[in-house]
C-alpha atoms as a PDB file:
ATOM      1  CA  MET A   1       0.000   0.000   0.000  1.00  0.00           C
ATOM      2  CA  TYR A   2       1.165   3.486  -0.842  1.00  0.00           C
ATOM      3  CA  CYS A   3      -0.090   6.906   0.233  1.00  0.00           C
ATOM      4  CA  LYS A   4       0.455  10.571  -0.426  1.00  0.00           C
ATOM      5  CA  VAL A   5      -0.726  13.511   1.615  1.00  0.00           C
ATOM      6  CA  ASN A   6      -1.912  16.999   0.772  1.00  0.00           C
ATOM      7  CA  ALA A   7      -1.436  20.298   2.614  1.00  0.00           C
ATOM      8  CA  PRO A   8      -4.355  22.067   4.287  1.00  0.00           C
ATOM      9  CA  GLY A   9      -6.106  24.506   1.947  1.00  0.00           C
ATOM     10  CA  THR A  10      -5.126  22.699  -1.258  1.00  0.00           C
ATOM     11  CA  THR A  11      -7.486  20.619  -3.325  1.00  0.00           C
ATOM     12  CA  GLN A  12      -5.228  19.158  -6.018  1.00  0.00           C
ATOM     13  CA  PHE A  13      -2.311  16.754  -5.634  1.00  0.00           C
ATOM     14  CA  ASP A  14       0.585  18.136  -7.651  1.00  0.00           C
ATOM     15  CA  SER A  15       3.000  16.008  -9.681  1.00  0.00           C
ATOM     16  CA  GLN A  16       5.839  16.580  -7.183  1.00  0.00           C
ATOM     17  CA  ASN A  17       3.797  14.927  -4.444  1.00  0.00           C
ATOM     18  CA  LYS A  18       4.973  11.306  -4.759  1.00  0.00           C
ATOM     19  CA  TYR A  19       3.474   8.151  -3.274  1.00  0.00           C
ATOM     20  CA  GLN A  20       5.296   6.773  -0.223  1.00  0.00           C
ATOM     21  CA  GLU A  21       5.281   3.083   0.610  1.00  0.00           C
ATOM     22  CA  MET A  22       3.502   2.151   3.834  1.00  0.00           C
ATOM     23  CA  THR A  23       4.498  -0.648   6.231  1.00  0.00           C
ATOM     24  CA  ARG A  24       1.979  -3.299   7.290  1.00  0.00           C
ATOM     25  CA  THR A  25       2.074  -3.568  11.090  1.00  0.00           C
ATOM     26  CA  SER A  26      -0.757  -6.059  11.604  1.00  0.00           C
ATOM     27  CA  GLY A  27      -2.966  -8.445   9.669  1.00  0.00           C
ATOM     28  CA  SER A  28      -2.237 -11.591   7.705  1.00  0.00           C
ATOM     29  CA  PHE A  29      -3.279 -12.674   4.243  1.00  0.00           C
ATOM     30  CA  ASP A  30      -5.652 -15.582   3.827  1.00  0.00           C
ATOM     31  CA  ASN A  31      -7.116 -17.221   0.714  1.00  0.00           C
ATOM     32  CA  SER A  32     -10.564 -17.516   2.328  1.00  0.00           C
ATOM     33  CA  ARG A  33     -13.094 -15.188   0.692  1.00  0.00           C
ATOM     34  CA  ASP A  34     -15.507 -15.444   3.624  1.00  0.00           C
ATOM     35  CA  LYS A  35     -13.133 -14.249   6.306  1.00  0.00           C
ATOM     36  CA  PHE A  36     -12.867 -10.584   7.325  1.00  0.00           C
ATOM     37  CA  GLU A  37      -9.318  -9.366   7.835  1.00  0.00           C
ATOM     38  CA  GLU A  38      -8.214  -6.070   9.318  1.00  0.00           C
ATOM     39  CA  PHE A  39      -4.868  -4.668   8.249  1.00  0.00           C
ATOM     40  CA  ILE A  40      -3.048  -1.782   9.853  1.00  0.00           C
ATOM     41  CA  PHE A  41      -0.447   0.138   7.871  1.00  0.00           C
ATOM     42  CA  GLU A  42       1.881   2.882   9.042  1.00  0.00           C
ATOM     43  CA  ASN A  43       3.354   5.535   6.857  1.00  0.00           C
ATOM     44  CA  SER A  44       7.102   4.977   6.750  1.00  0.00           C
ATOM     45  CA  GLY A  45       7.573   8.476   5.328  1.00  0.00           C
ATOM     46  CA  ASN A  46       7.051  11.827   6.943  1.00  0.00           C
ATOM     47  CA  THR A  47       3.487  13.191   7.038  1.00  0.00           C
ATOM     48  CA  VAL A  48       4.608  16.559   8.429  1.00  0.00           C
ATOM     49  CA  LEU A  49       4.791  18.967   5.515  1.00  0.00           C
ATOM     50  CA  ALA A  50       7.653  21.378   4.783  1.00  0.00           C
ATOM     51  CA  ASP A  51       5.865  24.290   6.493  1.00  0.00           C
ATOM     52  CA  GLY A  52       5.368  22.238   9.690  1.00  0.00           C
ATOM     53  CA  SER A  53       1.657  21.576   9.162  1.00  0.00           C
ATOM     54  CA  TYR A  54      -0.002  18.185   9.002  1.00  0.00           C
ATOM     55  CA  PHE A  55      -1.956  16.867   6.035  1.00  0.00           C
ATOM     56  CA  ASN A  56      -5.704  17.259   5.708  1.00  0.00           C
ATOM     57  CA  THR A  57      -6.353  14.975   2.707  1.00  0.00           C
ATOM     58  CA  PHE A  58      -4.691  11.801   1.522  1.00  0.00           C
ATOM     59  CA  GLN A  59      -4.749   9.324  -1.343  1.00  0.00           C
ATOM     60  CA  ILE A  60      -3.906   5.648  -1.251  1.00  0.00           C
ATOM     61  CA  LYS A  61      -2.763   3.269  -3.942  1.00  0.00           C
ATOM     62  CA  ILE A  62      -3.220  -0.438  -3.310  1.00  0.00           C
ATOM     63  CA  VAL A  63      -1.016  -2.884  -5.210  1.00  0.00           C
ATOM     64  CA  MET A  64      -2.434  -6.400  -5.064  1.00  0.00           C
ATOM     65  CA  LEU A  65      -0.148  -9.290  -5.977  1.00  0.00           C
ATOM     66  CA  SER A  66      -0.591 -13.040  -6.019  1.00  0.00           C
ATOM     67  CA  SER A  67       1.934 -15.836  -6.390  1.00  0.00           C
ATOM     68  CA  ASP A  68      -0.834 -18.172  -7.553  1.00  0.00           C
ATOM     69  CA  PRO A  69      -3.024 -17.099 -10.506  1.00  0.00           C
ATOM     70  CA  ALA A  70      -5.829 -19.316  -9.164  1.00  0.00           C
ATOM     71  CA  TYR A  71      -6.195 -16.929  -6.203  1.00  0.00           C
ATOM     72  CA  VAL A  72      -6.803 -13.429  -7.493  1.00  0.00           C
ATOM     73  CA  PRO A  73      -6.660 -10.737  -4.798  1.00  0.00           C
ATOM     74  CA  TYR A  74      -9.798  -8.684  -4.285  1.00  0.00           C
ATOM     75  CA  LEU A  75     -11.222  -6.071  -1.903  1.00  0.00           C
ATOM     76  CA  ARG A  76     -14.638  -5.955  -0.329  1.00  0.00           C
ATOM     77  CA  ASP A  77     -16.007  -3.277   2.023  1.00  0.00           C
ATOM     78  CA  LEU A  78     -12.817  -1.195   2.044  1.00  0.00           C
ATOM     79  CA  ARG A  79     -12.537   1.421   4.776  1.00  0.00           C
ATOM     80  CA  VAL A  80      -9.547   3.701   5.144  1.00  0.00           C
ATOM     81  CA  ILE A  81      -8.985   5.905   8.191  1.00  0.00           C
ATOM     82  CA  ALA A  82      -6.002   8.206   8.713  1.00  0.00           C
ATOM     83  CA  LEU A  83      -5.019   8.818  12.325  1.00  0.00           C
ATOM     84  CA  GLU A  84      -2.491  11.317  13.558  1.00  0.00           C
ATOM     85  CA  ASP A  85       0.386   9.629  15.375  1.00  0.00           C
ATOM     86  CA  PHE A  86       1.239  11.242  18.711  1.00  0.00           C
END
C-alpha cells in the first residue's frame, strides 16, 4: 500500500507529491473469501509537511499481488482511516 498527503487549503495533488510506501504492522493474508481481515499500515515516510503543518487529505494506492493465478486478490467493504500519530 502506498499513500500521499496533501497540505491544508489545497485541493489538487501536484506532480511533485509522490506516493510513499507504507508498512503493514498487523494483519495476515488468507485465501478464504468469507473471512474478514483487518490490516493496519503505518506511513514509513514523513506526514509533516515542509511548512510544519499536518496533512488534511490523503490518497492511497493499493497494489495487489498473487503468487498463484488461481487466487486473485480482491477487496470488499474497504474502509480507510487516517489517524495522527502522537
